[in-house]
Each structure stands twice: as structure tokens, then as C-alpha cells.
Amino acid sequence: MITPKLSSMLLGTTKPEELREWYRKALAPEYQGEGPIDLGGFLLVIEKRDDVEAKNNEPGRMIINFHVDDFDAVEAQLKAAGVEWLLPVADRPSGRFGTFADPDGNYLQIIQFNK
């Protein structure tokens, strides 16, 4: 049996240029170009769609998680990009978590698991 490798995600939006710029600024400041944004080998494709609302009405349905090795550095990068935490950054038994939202209301998290 073959297990497919998850390697990209299509994020539909009514404002692709704005959303692409937000993701670039917040998570991939070195990214240049118009195509998919490379997020550590995972490609984020942002596309204008007519079948989605301007805001995600159920943002908790799917949360995009980014596992990081240096939480403080990524937290500083996100703050510099103007990201606001939905909840205060939390130290949990399994590690450190920070939850925020993109301009369309989709939830994202950075996580640094304890080793």
C-alpha cells in the first residue's frame, strides 16, 4: 500500500494578493515571486475563489500547525509582521503553543514541542 505525502495546500480566498502578502510577511519573509509559497518544503497555494466567503465562518475546523525549533524567534518574527495572538502564548505539558489568525480568519499555530 502507498501512503501519499502531504506536500501542498490550496487556500481559497476572495483577496489573493492581500492574503499572499500576509503569509509572505508573517511566515516566509524571504519568499519572492507569484507562485506557491514554500513553507519549509510544504507549498501554500493561494487562489482567488468565488465559492468562499471573505471570512472563514468555522476557523476552528482546521488549524494549520507550524512546528518550530526556536519559538521565541518565530514569535518575534510574527509580532514584527503585526500578527496578534488569539489566545496568550501558552506553555503546556507537551510544549509551547501560540494561536493566531490570517486576514481571512483561518487559524494557525506555532508549536515548539518539548524534547
PDB file of N, CA and C in Angstrom:
ATOM      1  N   MET A   1       0.844  -1.176   0.000  1.00  0.00           N
ATOM      2  CA  MET A   1       0.000   0.000   0.000  1.00  0.00           C
ATOM      3  C   MET A   1       0.891   1.243   0.000  1.00  0.00           C
ATOM      4  N   ILE A   2       0.463   2.279  -0.702  1.00  0.00           N
ATOM      5  CA  ILE A   2       1.221   3.520  -0.813  1.00  0.00           C
ATOM      6  C   ILE A   2       0.565   4.589   0.049  1.00  0.00           C
ATOM      7  N   THR A   3       1.364   5.281   0.850  1.00  0.00           N
ATOM      8  CA  THR A   3       0.871   6.410   1.635  1.00  0.00           C
ATOM      9  C   THR A   3       1.300   7.692   0.932  1.00  0.00           C
ATOM     10  N   PRO A   4       0.352   8.476   0.439  1.00  0.00           N
ATOM     11  CA  PRO A   4       0.720   9.724  -0.238  1.00  0.00           C
ATOM     12  C   PRO A   4       1.377  10.698   0.739  1.00  0.00           C
ATOM     13  N   LYS A   5       2.263  11.511   0.220  1.00  0.00           N
ATOM     14  CA  LYS A   5       2.950  12.528   1.012  1.00  0.00           C
ATOM     15  C   LYS A   5       2.188  13.847   0.891  1.00  0.00           C
ATOM     16  N   LEU A   6       1.833  14.418   2.030  1.00  0.00           N
ATOM     17  CA  LEU A   6       1.185  15.724   2.036  1.00  0.00           C
ATOM     18  C   LEU A   6       2.248  16.771   1.699  1.00  0.00           C
ATOM     19  N   SER A   7       2.041  17.519   0.621  1.00  0.00           N
ATOM     20  CA  SER A   7       3.103  18.431   0.202  1.00  0.00           C
ATOM     21  C   SER A   7       2.625  19.829  -0.175  1.00  0.00           C
ATOM     22  N   SER A   8       1.312  20.019  -0.268  1.00  0.00           N
ATOM     23  CA  SER A   8       0.825  21.368  -0.564  1.00  0.00           C
ATOM     24  C   SER A   8      -0.621  21.499  -0.101  1.00  0.00           C
ATOM     25  N   MET A   9      -1.056  22.762  -0.064  1.00  0.00           N
ATOM     26  CA  MET A   9      -2.420  23.064   0.337  1.00  0.00           C
ATOM     27  C   MET A   9      -2.909  24.247  -0.484  1.00  0.00           C
ATOM     28  N   LEU A  10      -4.143  24.170  -0.954  1.00  0.00           N
ATOM     29  CA  LEU A  10      -4.777  25.277  -1.653  1.00  0.00           C
ATOM     30  C   LEU A  10      -5.609  26.047  -0.644  1.00  0.00           C
ATOM     31  N   LEU A  11      -5.343  27.324  -0.527  1.00  0.00           N
ATOM     32  CA  LEU A  11      -6.095  28.192   0.369  1.00  0.00           C
ATOM     33  C   LEU A  11      -6.895  29.146  -0.506  1.00  0.00           C
ATOM     34  N   GLY A  12      -8.215  28.927  -0.552  1.00  0.00           N
ATOM     35  CA  GLY A  12      -9.097  29.763  -1.352  1.00  0.00           C
ATOM     36  C   GLY A  12      -9.445  31.040  -0.604  1.00  0.00           C
ATOM     37  N   THR A  13      -9.540  32.142  -1.336  1.00  0.00           N
ATOM     38  CA  THR A  13      -9.802  33.443  -0.733  1.00  0.00           C
ATOM     39  C   THR A  13     -10.466  34.369  -1.739  1.00  0.00           C
ATOM     40  N   THR A  14     -11.076  35.415  -1.231  1.00  0.00           N
ATOM     41  CA  THR A  14     -11.624  36.446  -2.106  1.00  0.00           C
ATOM     42  C   THR A  14     -10.585  37.535  -2.387  1.00  0.00           C
ATOM     43  N   LYS A  15      -9.479  37.527  -1.629  1.00  0.00           N
ATOM     44  CA  LYS A  15      -8.434  38.560  -1.756  1.00  0.00           C
ATOM     45  C   LYS A  15      -7.044  37.904  -1.837  1.00  0.00           C
ATOM     46  N   PRO A  16      -6.723  37.262  -2.952  1.00  0.00           N
ATOM     47  CA  PRO A  16      -5.469  36.507  -3.014  1.00  0.00           C
ATOM     48  C   PRO A  16      -4.206  37.356  -2.855  1.00  0.00           C
ATOM     49  N   GLU A  17      -4.164  38.538  -3.395  1.00  0.00           N
ATOM     50  CA  GLU A  17      -2.949  39.354  -3.282  1.00  0.00           C
ATOM     51  C   GLU A  17      -2.688  39.741  -1.829  1.00  0.00           C
ATOM     52  N   GLU A  18      -3.752  40.168  -1.124  1.00  0.00           N
ATOM     53  CA  GLU A  18      -3.616  40.552   0.279  1.00  0.00           C
ATOM     54  C   GLU A  18      -3.199  39.355   1.140  1.00  0.00           C
ATOM     55  N   LEU A  19      -3.827  38.219   0.912  1.00  0.00           N
ATOM     56  CA  LEU A  19      -3.519  37.043   1.722  1.00  0.00           C
ATOM     57  C   LEU A  19      -2.107  36.533   1.436  1.00  0.00           C
ATOM     58  N   ARG A  20      -1.707  36.525   0.164  1.00  0.00           N
ATOM     59  CA  ARG A  20      -0.353  36.094  -0.202  1.00  0.00           C
ATOM     60  C   ARG A  20       0.682  36.993   0.469  1.00  0.00           C
ATOM     61  N   GLU A  21       0.453  38.293   0.467  1.00  0.00           N
ATOM     62  CA  GLU A  21       1.388  39.224   1.097  1.00  0.00           C
ATOM     63  C   GLU A  21       1.439  39.000   2.605  1.00  0.00           C
ATOM     64  N   TRP A  22       0.315  38.730   3.241  1.00  0.00           N
ATOM     65  CA  TRP A  22       0.295  38.474   4.680  1.00  0.00           C
ATOM     66  C   TRP A  22       1.114  37.228   5.016  1.00  0.00           C
ATOM     67  N   TYR A  23       0.887  36.130   4.272  1.00  0.00           N
ATOM     68  CA  TYR A  23       1.640  34.900   4.541  1.00  0.00           C
ATOM     69  C   TYR A  23       3.130  35.096   4.285  1.00  0.00           C
ATOM     70  N   ARG A  24       3.450  35.824   3.229  1.00  0.00           N
ATOM     71  CA  ARG A  24       4.855  36.075   2.944  1.00  0.00           C
ATOM     72  C   ARG A  24       5.488  36.855   4.090  1.00  0.00           C
ATOM     73  N   LYS A  25       4.858  37.930   4.502  1.00  0.00           N
ATOM     74  CA  LYS A  25       5.404  38.783   5.551  1.00  0.00           C
ATOM     75  C   LYS A  25       5.507  38.047   6.891  1.00  0.00           C
ATOM     76  N   ALA A  26       4.457  37.312   7.252  1.00  0.00           N
ATOM     77  CA  ALA A  26       4.414  36.653   8.554  1.00  0.00           C
ATOM     78  C   ALA A  26       5.266  35.389   8.630  1.00  0.00           C
ATOM     79  N   LEU A  27       5.251  34.575   7.569  1.00  0.00           N
ATOM     80  CA  LEU A  27       5.839  33.245   7.680  1.00  0.00           C
ATOM     81  C   LEU A  27       6.971  32.954   6.708  1.00  0.00           C
ATOM     82  N   ALA A  28       7.110  33.732   5.663  1.00  0.00           N
ATOM     83  CA  ALA A  28       8.153  33.455   4.670  1.00  0.00           C
ATOM     84  C   ALA A  28       8.721  34.760   4.129  1.00  0.00           C
ATOM     85  N   PRO A  29       9.340  35.581   5.009  1.00  0.00           N
ATOM     86  CA  PRO A  29       9.792  36.907   4.575  1.00  0.00           C
ATOM     87  C   PRO A  29      10.815  36.881   3.437  1.00  0.00           C
ATOM     88  N   GLU A  30      11.459  35.770   3.209  1.00  0.00           N
ATOM     89  CA  GLU A  30      12.445  35.679   2.124  1.00  0.00           C
ATOM     90  C   GLU A  30      11.807  35.270   0.794  1.00  0.00           C
ATOM     91  N   TYR A  31      10.529  34.903   0.825  1.00  0.00           N
ATOM     92  CA  TYR A  31       9.836  34.440  -0.376  1.00  0.00           C
ATOM     93  C   TYR A  31       9.719  35.568  -1.395  1.00  0.00           C
ATOM     94  N   GLN A  32       9.978  35.232  -2.628  1.00  0.00           N
ATOM     95  CA  GLN A  32       9.811  36.164  -3.747  1.00  0.00           C
ATOM     96  C   GLN A  32       9.014  35.446  -4.826  1.00  0.00           C
ATOM     97  N   GLY A  33       8.191  36.158  -5.542  1.00  0.00           N
ATOM     98  CA  GLY A  33       7.515  35.563  -6.677  1.00  0.00           C
ATOM     99  C   GLY A  33       6.019  35.479  -6.527  1.00  0.00           C
ATOM    100  N   GLU A  34       5.405  34.918  -7.530  1.00  0.00           N
ATOM    101  CA  GLU A  34       3.953  34.851  -7.628  1.00  0.00           C
ATOM    102  C   GLU A  34       3.395  33.465  -7.359  1.00  0.00           C
ATOM    103  N   GLY A  35       4.188  32.440  -7.450  1.00  0.00           N
ATOM    104  CA  GLY A  35       3.692  31.071  -7.332  1.00  0.00           C
ATOM    105  C   GLY A  35       3.472  30.651  -5.895  1.00  0.00           C
ATOM    106  N   PRO A  36       3.399  29.348  -5.675  1.00  0.00           N
ATOM    107  CA  PRO A  36       3.207  28.822  -4.332  1.00  0.00           C
ATOM    108  C   PRO A  36       4.302  29.306  -3.371  1.00  0.00           C
ATOM    109  N   ILE A  37       3.910  29.533  -2.128  1.00  0.00           N
ATOM    110  CA  ILE A  37       4.857  29.960  -1.099  1.00  0.00           C
ATOM    111  C   ILE A  37       5.434  28.707  -0.453  1.00  0.00           C
ATOM    112  N   ASP A  38       6.746  28.583  -0.468  1.00  0.00           N
ATOM    113  CA  ASP A  38       7.414  27.428   0.128  1.00  0.00           C
ATOM    114  C   ASP A  38       7.563  27.667   1.628  1.00  0.00           C
ATOM    115  N   LEU A  39       6.871  26.847   2.403  1.00  0.00           N
ATOM    116  CA  LEU A  39       6.929  26.929   3.862  1.00  0.00           C
ATOM    117  C   LEU A  39       7.681  25.702   4.366  1.00  0.00           C
ATOM    118  N   GLY A  40       8.985  25.706   4.185  1.00  0.00           N
ATOM    119  CA  GLY A  40       9.805  24.603   4.656  1.00  0.00           C
ATOM    120  C   GLY A  40       9.571  23.300   3.916  1.00  0.00           C
ATOM    121  N   GLY A  41       9.332  23.362   2.620  1.00  0.00           N
ATOM    122  CA  GLY A  41       9.097  22.160   1.830  1.00  0.00           C
ATOM    123  C   GLY A  41       7.615  21.847   1.630  1.00  0.00           C
ATOM    124  N   PHE A  42       6.749  22.562   2.315  1.00  0.00           N
ATOM    125  CA  PHE A  42       5.304  22.434   2.139  1.00  0.00           C
ATOM    126  C   PHE A  42       4.847  23.659   1.359  1.00  0.00           C
ATOM    127  N   LEU A  43       4.163  23.450   0.249  1.00  0.00           N
ATOM    128  CA  LEU A  43       3.784  24.570  -0.609  1.00  0.00           C
ATOM    129  C   LEU A  43       2.378  25.060  -0.297  1.00  0.00           C
ATOM    130  N   LEU A  44       2.256  26.368  -0.125  1.00  0.00           N
ATOM    131  CA  LEU A  44       0.970  27.005   0.099  1.00  0.00           C
ATOM    132  C   LEU A  44       0.561  27.714  -1.183  1.00  0.00           C
ATOM    133  N   VAL A  45      -0.524  27.247  -1.771  1.00  0.00           N
ATOM    134  CA  VAL A  45      -1.073  27.828  -2.991  1.00  0.00           C
ATOM    135  C   VAL A  45      -2.255  28.694  -2.575  1.00  0.00           C
ATOM    136  N   ILE A  46      -2.215  29.964  -2.922  1.00  0.00           N
ATOM    137  CA  ILE A  46      -3.297  30.888  -2.580  1.00  0.00           C
ATOM    138  C   ILE A  46      -3.979  31.290  -3.871  1.00  0.00           C
ATOM    139  N   GLU A  47      -5.292  31.067  -3.926  1.00  0.00           N
ATOM    140  CA  GLU A  47      -6.026  31.249  -5.173  1.00  0.00           C
ATOM    141  C   GLU A  47      -7.347  31.972  -4.935  1.00  0.00           C
ATOM    142  N   LYS A  48      -7.691  32.865  -5.854  1.00  0.00           N
ATOM    143  CA  LYS A  48      -8.995  33.533  -5.790  1.00  0.00           C
ATOM    144  C   LYS A  48     -10.074  32.500  -6.080  1.00  0.00           C
ATOM    145  N   ARG A  49     -11.094  32.515  -5.218  1.00  0.00           N
ATOM    146  CA  ARG A  49     -12.201  31.577  -5.371  1.00  0.00           C
ATOM    147  C   ARG A  49     -13.518  32.330  -5.231  1.00  0.00           C
ATOM    148  N   ASP A  50     -14.495  31.942  -6.045  1.00  0.00           N
ATOM    149  CA  ASP A  50     -15.819  32.543  -5.976  1.00  0.00           C
ATOM    150  C   ASP A  50     -16.759  31.748  -5.072  1.00  0.00           C
ATOM    151  N   ASP A  51     -16.310  30.587  -4.589  1.00  0.00           N
ATOM    152  CA  ASP A  51     -17.175  29.729  -3.781  1.00  0.00           C
ATOM    153  C   ASP A  51     -16.847  29.797  -2.289  1.00  0.00           C
ATOM    154  N   VAL A  52     -16.126  30.855  -1.856  1.00  0.00           N
ATOM    155  CA  VAL A  52     -15.821  31.035  -0.434  1.00  0.00           C
ATOM    156  C   VAL A  52     -16.246  32.430   0.000  1.00  0.00           C
ATOM    157  N   GLU A  53     -16.519  32.562   1.280  1.00  0.00           N
ATOM    158  CA  GLU A  53     -16.855  33.864   1.863  1.00  0.00           C
ATOM    159  C   GLU A  53     -15.559  34.629   2.143  1.00  0.00           C
ATOM    160  N   ALA A  54     -15.672  35.918   2.385  1.00  0.00           N
ATOM    161  CA  ALA A  54     -14.497  36.740   2.695  1.00  0.00           C
ATOM    162  C   ALA A  54     -13.861  36.318   4.017  1.00  0.00           C
ATOM    163  N   LYS A  55     -14.657  35.868   4.979  1.00  0.00           N
ATOM    164  CA  LYS A  55     -14.152  35.402   6.276  1.00  0.00           C
ATOM    165  C   LYS A  55     -14.558  33.950   6.484  1.00  0.00           C
ATOM    166  N   ASN A  56     -13.654  33.189   7.078  1.00  0.00           N
ATOM    167  CA  ASN A  56     -13.922  31.796   7.413  1.00  0.00           C
ATOM    168  C   ASN A  56     -14.910  31.756   8.577  1.00  0.00           C
ATOM    169  N   ASN A  57     -16.066  31.167   8.373  1.00  0.00           N
ATOM    170  CA  ASN A  57     -17.105  31.116   9.400  1.00  0.00           C
ATOM    171  C   ASN A  57     -16.883  30.019  10.435  1.00  0.00           C
ATOM    172  N   GLU A  58     -15.990  29.078  10.161  1.00  0.00           N
ATOM    173  CA  GLU A  58     -15.692  27.986  11.091  1.00  0.00           C
ATOM    174  C   GLU A  58     -14.174  27.802  11.195  1.00  0.00           C
ATOM    175  N   PRO A  59     -13.461  28.799  11.708  1.00  0.00           N
ATOM    176  CA  PRO A  59     -11.995  28.736  11.694  1.00  0.00           C
ATOM    177  C   PRO A  59     -11.395  27.628  12.551  1.00  0.00           C
ATOM    178  N   GLY A  60     -12.135  27.115  13.513  1.00  0.00           N
ATOM    179  CA  GLY A  60     -11.606  26.043  14.346  1.00  0.00           C
ATOM    180  C   GLY A  60     -11.687  24.669  13.700  1.00  0.00           C
ATOM    181  N   ARG A  61     -12.336  24.575  12.547  1.00  0.00           N
ATOM    182  CA  ARG A  61     -12.492  23.286  11.871  1.00  0.00           C
ATOM    183  C   ARG A  61     -11.145  22.705  11.452  1.00  0.00           C
ATOM    184  N   MET A  62     -10.234  23.564  11.025  1.00  0.00           N
ATOM    185  CA  MET A  62      -8.907  23.112  10.623  1.00  0.00           C
ATOM    186  C   MET A  62      -7.900  24.174  11.037  1.00  0.00           C
ATOM    187  N   ILE A  63      -6.884  23.783  11.780  1.00  0.00           N
ATOM    188  CA  ILE A  63      -5.853  24.713  12.221  1.00  0.00           C
ATOM    189  C   ILE A  63      -4.538  24.282  11.581  1.00  0.00           C
ATOM    190  N   ILE A  64      -3.878  25.224  10.944  1.00  0.00           N
ATOM    191  CA  ILE A  64      -2.591  24.936  10.312  1.00  0.00           C
ATOM    192  C   ILE A  64      -1.510  25.080  11.381  1.00  0.00           C
ATOM    193  N   ASN A  65      -0.771  23.998  11.628  1.00  0.00           N
ATOM    194  CA  ASN A  65       0.268  23.993  12.653  1.00  0.00           C
ATOM    195  C   ASN A  65       1.654  24.076  12.028  1.00  0.00           C
ATOM    196  N   PHE A  66       2.484  24.918  12.609  1.00  0.00           N
ATOM    197  CA  PHE A  66       3.886  25.037  12.219  1.00  0.00           C
ATOM    198  C   PHE A  66       4.731  24.617  13.413  1.00  0.00           C
ATOM    199  N   HIS A  67       5.497  23.558  13.246  1.00  0.00           N
ATOM    200  CA  HIS A  67       6.384  23.099  14.314  1.00  0.00           C
ATOM    201  C   HIS A  67       7.697  23.860  14.174  1.00  0.00           C
ATOM    202  N   VAL A  68       8.132  24.469  15.268  1.00  0.00           N
ATOM    203  CA  VAL A  68       9.326  25.313  15.236  1.00  0.00           C
ATOM    204  C   VAL A  68      10.341  24.829  16.261  1.00  0.00           C
ATOM    205  N   ASP A  69      11.610  25.135  16.001  1.00  0.00           N
ATOM    206  CA  ASP A  69      12.692  24.797  16.925  1.00  0.00           C
ATOM    207  C   ASP A  69      13.029  25.954  17.854  1.00  0.00           C
ATOM    208  N   ASP A  70      12.704  27.183  17.437  1.00  0.00           N
ATOM    209  CA  ASP A  70      13.014  28.361  18.245  1.00  0.00           C
ATOM    210  C   ASP A  70      11.748  29.224  18.335  1.00  0.00           C
ATOM    211  N   PHE A  71      10.910  28.916  19.306  1.00  0.00           N
ATOM    212  CA  PHE A  71       9.623  29.584  19.456  1.00  0.00           C
ATOM    213  C   PHE A  71       9.797  31.091  19.570  1.00  0.00           C
ATOM    214  N   ASP A  72      10.759  31.523  20.403  1.00  0.00           N
ATOM    215  CA  ASP A  72      10.946  32.954  20.640  1.00  0.00           C
ATOM    216  C   ASP A  72      11.273  33.703  19.349  1.00  0.00           C
ATOM    217  N   ALA A  73      12.112  33.122  18.498  1.00  0.00           N
ATOM    218  CA  ALA A  73      12.486  33.775  17.243  1.00  0.00           C
ATOM    219  C   ALA A  73      11.284  33.881  16.301  1.00  0.00           C
ATOM    220  N   VAL A  74      10.504  32.818  16.198  1.00  0.00           N
ATOM    221  CA  VAL A  74       9.336  32.845  15.316  1.00  0.00           C
ATOM    222  C   VAL A  74       8.267  33.779  15.889  1.00  0.00           C
ATOM    223  N   GLU A  75       8.107  33.776  17.205  1.00  0.00           N
ATOM    224  CA  GLU A  75       7.160  34.696  17.841  1.00  0.00           C
ATOM    225  C   GLU A  75       7.540  36.147  17.538  1.00  0.00           C
ATOM    226  N   ALA A  76       8.821  36.474  17.614  1.00  0.00           N
ATOM    227  CA  ALA A  76       9.284  37.834  17.316  1.00  0.00           C
ATOM    228  C   ALA A  76       9.027  38.187  15.851  1.00  0.00           C
ATOM    229  N   GLN A  77       9.262  37.241  14.941  1.00  0.00           N
ATOM    230  CA  GLN A  77       9.012  37.465  13.511  1.00  0.00           C
ATOM    231  C   GLN A  77       7.530  37.748  13.275  1.00  0.00           C
ATOM    232  N   LEU A  78       6.670  36.969  13.926  1.00  0.00           N
ATOM    233  CA  LEU A  78       5.229  37.160  13.766  1.00  0.00           C
ATOM    234  C   LEU A  78       4.776  38.499  14.345  1.00  0.00           C
ATOM    235  N   LYS A  79       5.311  38.864  15.500  1.00  0.00           N
ATOM    236  CA  LYS A  79       4.968  40.162  16.096  1.00  0.00           C
ATOM    237  C   LYS A  79       5.410  41.305  15.193  1.00  0.00           C
ATOM    238  N   ALA A  80       6.601  41.183  14.606  1.00  0.00           N
ATOM    239  CA  ALA A  80       7.104  42.214  13.695  1.00  0.00           C
ATOM    240  C   ALA A  80       6.208  42.354  12.466  1.00  0.00           C
ATOM    241  N   ALA A  81       5.544  41.263  12.080  1.00  0.00           N
ATOM    242  CA  ALA A  81       4.634  41.283  10.935  1.00  0.00           C
ATOM    243  C   ALA A  81       3.245  41.786  11.320  1.00  0.00           C
ATOM    244  N   GLY A  82       3.034  42.064  12.612  1.00  0.00           N
ATOM    245  CA  GLY A  82       1.757  42.596  13.059  1.00  0.00           C
ATOM    246  C   GLY A  82       0.729  41.553  13.459  1.00  0.00           C
ATOM    247  N   VAL A  83       1.164  40.308  13.591  1.00  0.00           N
ATOM    248  CA  VAL A  83       0.246  39.237  13.979  1.00  0.00           C
ATOM    249  C   VAL A  83      -0.178  39.425  15.431  1.00  0.00           C
ATOM    250  N   GLU A  84      -1.465  39.198  15.679  1.00  0.00           N
ATOM    251  CA  GLU A  84      -1.986  39.263  17.042  1.00  0.00           C
ATOM    252  C   GLU A  84      -2.415  37.867  17.462  1.00  0.00           C
ATOM    253  N   TRP A  85      -2.052  37.498  18.691  1.00  0.00           N
ATOM    254  CA  TRP A  85      -2.402  36.179  19.218  1.00  0.00           C
ATOM    255  C   TRP A  85      -3.895  36.142  19.532  1.00  0.00           C
ATOM    256  N   LEU A  86      -4.559  35.049  19.170  1.00  0.00           N
ATOM    257  CA  LEU A  86      -5.963  34.844  19.522  1.00  0.00           C
ATOM    258  C   LEU A  86      -6.093  34.511  20.998  1.00  0.00           C
ATOM    259  N   LEU A  87      -5.115  33.785  21.506  1.00  0.00           N
ATOM    260  CA  LEU A  87      -5.005  33.411  22.909  1.00  0.00           C
ATOM    261  C   LEU A  87      -3.588  33.748  23.342  1.00  0.00           C
ATOM    262  N   PRO A  88      -3.369  33.999  24.610  1.00  0.00           N
ATOM    263  CA  PRO A  88      -1.988  34.218  25.039  1.00  0.00           C
ATOM    264  C   PRO A  88      -1.132  32.985  24.734  1.00  0.00           C
ATOM    265  N   VAL A  89       0.123  33.217  24.397  1.00  0.00           N
ATOM    266  CA  VAL A  89       1.051  32.108  24.194  1.00  0.00           C
ATOM    267  C   VAL A  89       1.028  31.262  25.457  1.00  0.00           C
ATOM    268  N   ALA A  90       0.971  29.941  25.284  1.00  0.00           N
ATOM    269  CA  ALA A  90       0.797  29.052  26.431  1.00  0.00           C
ATOM    270  C   ALA A  90       1.876  27.985  26.493  1.00  0.00           C
ATOM    271  N   ASP A  91       2.410  27.802  27.688  1.00  0.00           N
ATOM    272  CA  ASP A  91       3.276  26.666  27.965  1.00  0.00           C
ATOM    273  C   ASP A  91       2.386  25.550  28.473  1.00  0.00           C
ATOM    274  N   ARG A  92       2.378  24.447  27.747  1.00  0.00           N
ATOM    275  CA  ARG A  92       1.564  23.288  28.110  1.00  0.00           C
ATOM    276  C   ARG A  92       2.499  22.136  28.449  1.00  0.00           C
ATOM    277  N   PRO A  93       1.990  21.071  29.017  1.00  0.00           N
ATOM    278  CA  PRO A  93       2.865  19.948  29.349  1.00  0.00           C
ATOM    279  C   PRO A  93       3.656  19.410  28.146  1.00  0.00           C
ATOM    280  N   SER A  94       3.063  19.478  26.949  1.00  0.00           N
ATOM    281  CA  SER A  94       3.744  18.947  25.764  1.00  0.00           C
ATOM    282  C   SER A  94       4.638  19.962  25.059  1.00  0.00           C
ATOM    283  N   GLY A  95       4.528  21.256  25.401  1.00  0.00           N
ATOM    284  CA  GLY A  95       5.350  22.260  24.740  1.00  0.00           C
ATOM    285  C   GLY A  95       4.720  23.631  24.796  1.00  0.00           C
ATOM    286  N   ARG A  96       5.187  24.494  23.910  1.00  0.00           N
ATOM    287  CA  ARG A  96       4.739  25.890  23.863  1.00  0.00           C
ATOM    288  C   ARG A  96       3.889  26.103  22.614  1.00  0.00           C
ATOM    289  N   PHE A  97       2.751  26.802  22.768  1.00  0.00           N
ATOM    290  CA  PHE A  97       1.782  26.977  21.687  1.00  0.00           C
ATOM    291  C   PHE A  97       1.403  28.448  21.556  1.00  0.00           C
ATOM    292  N   GLY A  98       1.259  28.906  20.322  1.00  0.00           N
ATOM    293  CA  GLY A  98       0.748  30.243  20.043  1.00  0.00           C
ATOM    294  C   GLY A  98      -0.250  30.150  18.898  1.00  0.00           C
ATOM    295  N   THR A  99      -1.454  30.700  19.079  1.00  0.00           N
ATOM    296  CA  THR A  99      -2.507  30.613  18.068  1.00  0.00           C
ATOM    297  C   THR A  99      -2.850  32.010  17.568  1.00  0.00           C
ATOM    298  N   PHE A 100      -2.934  32.150  16.253  1.00  0.00           N
ATOM    299  CA  PHE A 100      -3.230  33.434  15.616  1.00  0.00           C
ATOM    300  C   PHE A 100      -4.086  33.171  14.389  1.00  0.00           C
ATOM    301  N   ALA A 101      -4.523  34.238  13.720  1.00  0.00           N
ATOM    302  CA  ALA A 101      -5.381  34.093  12.543  1.00  0.00           C
ATOM    303  C   ALA A 101      -4.840  34.919  11.390  1.00  0.00           C
ATOM    304  N   ASP A 102      -5.102  34.435  10.169  1.00  0.00           N
ATOM    305  CA  ASP A 102      -4.749  35.217   8.983  1.00  0.00           C
ATOM    306  C   ASP A 102      -5.880  36.210   8.695  1.00  0.00           C
ATOM    307  N   PRO A 103      -5.727  37.095   7.707  1.00  0.00           N
ATOM    308  CA  PRO A 103      -6.764  38.095   7.435  1.00  0.00           C
ATOM    309  C   PRO A 103      -8.134  37.520   7.058  1.00  0.00           C
ATOM    310  N   ASP A 104      -8.184  36.276   6.573  1.00  0.00           N
ATOM    311  CA  ASP A 104      -9.451  35.636   6.238  1.00  0.00           C
ATOM    312  C   ASP A 104     -10.073  34.933   7.438  1.00  0.00           C
ATOM    313  N   GLY A 105      -9.382  34.948   8.571  1.00  0.00           N
ATOM    314  CA  GLY A 105      -9.906  34.322   9.775  1.00  0.00           C
ATOM    315  C   GLY A 105      -9.508  32.878   9.976  1.00  0.00           C
ATOM    316  N   ASN A 106      -8.638  32.340   9.118  1.00  0.00           N
ATOM    317  CA  ASN A 106      -8.156  30.975   9.294  1.00  0.00           C
ATOM    318  C   ASN A 106      -7.197  30.925  10.473  1.00  0.00           C
ATOM    319  N   TYR A 107      -7.306  29.884  11.304  1.00  0.00           N
ATOM    320  CA  TYR A 107      -6.439  29.752  12.471  1.00  0.00           C
ATOM    321  C   TYR A 107      -5.131  29.054  12.111  1.00  0.00           C
ATOM    322  N   LEU A 108      -4.073  29.549  12.744  1.00  0.00           N
ATOM    323  CA  LEU A 108      -2.746  28.956  12.600  1.00  0.00           C
ATOM    324  C   LEU A 108      -2.120  28.864  13.982  1.00  0.00           C
ATOM    325  N   GLN A 109      -1.172  27.942  14.145  1.00  0.00           N
ATOM    326  CA  GLN A 109      -0.449  27.823  15.410  1.00  0.00           C
ATOM    327  C   GLN A 109       1.022  27.617  15.126  1.00  0.00           C
ATOM    328  N   ILE A 110       1.838  28.157  16.028  1.00  0.00           N
ATOM    329  CA  ILE A 110       3.226  27.735  16.075  1.00  0.00           C
ATOM    330  C   ILE A 110       3.356  26.896  17.340  1.00  0.00           C
ATOM    331  N   ILE A 111       4.118  25.822  17.220  1.00  0.00           N
ATOM    332  CA  ILE A 111       4.276  24.876  18.316  1.00  0.00           C
ATOM    333  C   ILE A 111       5.744  24.496  18.434  1.00  0.00           C
ATOM    334  N   GLN A 112       6.246  24.564  19.650  1.00  0.00           N
ATOM    335  CA  GLN A 112       7.569  24.003  19.947  1.00  0.00           C
ATOM    336  C   GLN A 112       7.354  22.927  20.987  1.00  0.00           C
ATOM    337  N   PHE A 113       7.395  21.666  20.533  1.00  0.00           N
ATOM    338  CA  PHE A 113       7.204  20.553  21.445  1.00  0.00           C
ATOM    339  C   PHE A 113       8.414  20.382  22.350  1.00  0.00           C
ATOM    340  N   ASN A 114       8.157  19.930  23.564  1.00  0.00           N
ATOM    341  CA  ASN A 114       9.255  19.589  24.471  1.00  0.00           C
ATOM    342  C   ASN A 114      10.011  18.405  23.909  1.00  0.00           C
ATOM    343  N   LYS A 115      11.294  18.390  24.148  1.00  0.00           N
ATOM    344  CA  LYS A 115      12.113  17.291  23.637  1.00  0.00           C
ATOM    345  C   LYS A 115      12.280  16.218  24.652  1.00  0.00           C
TER     346      LYS A 115
END
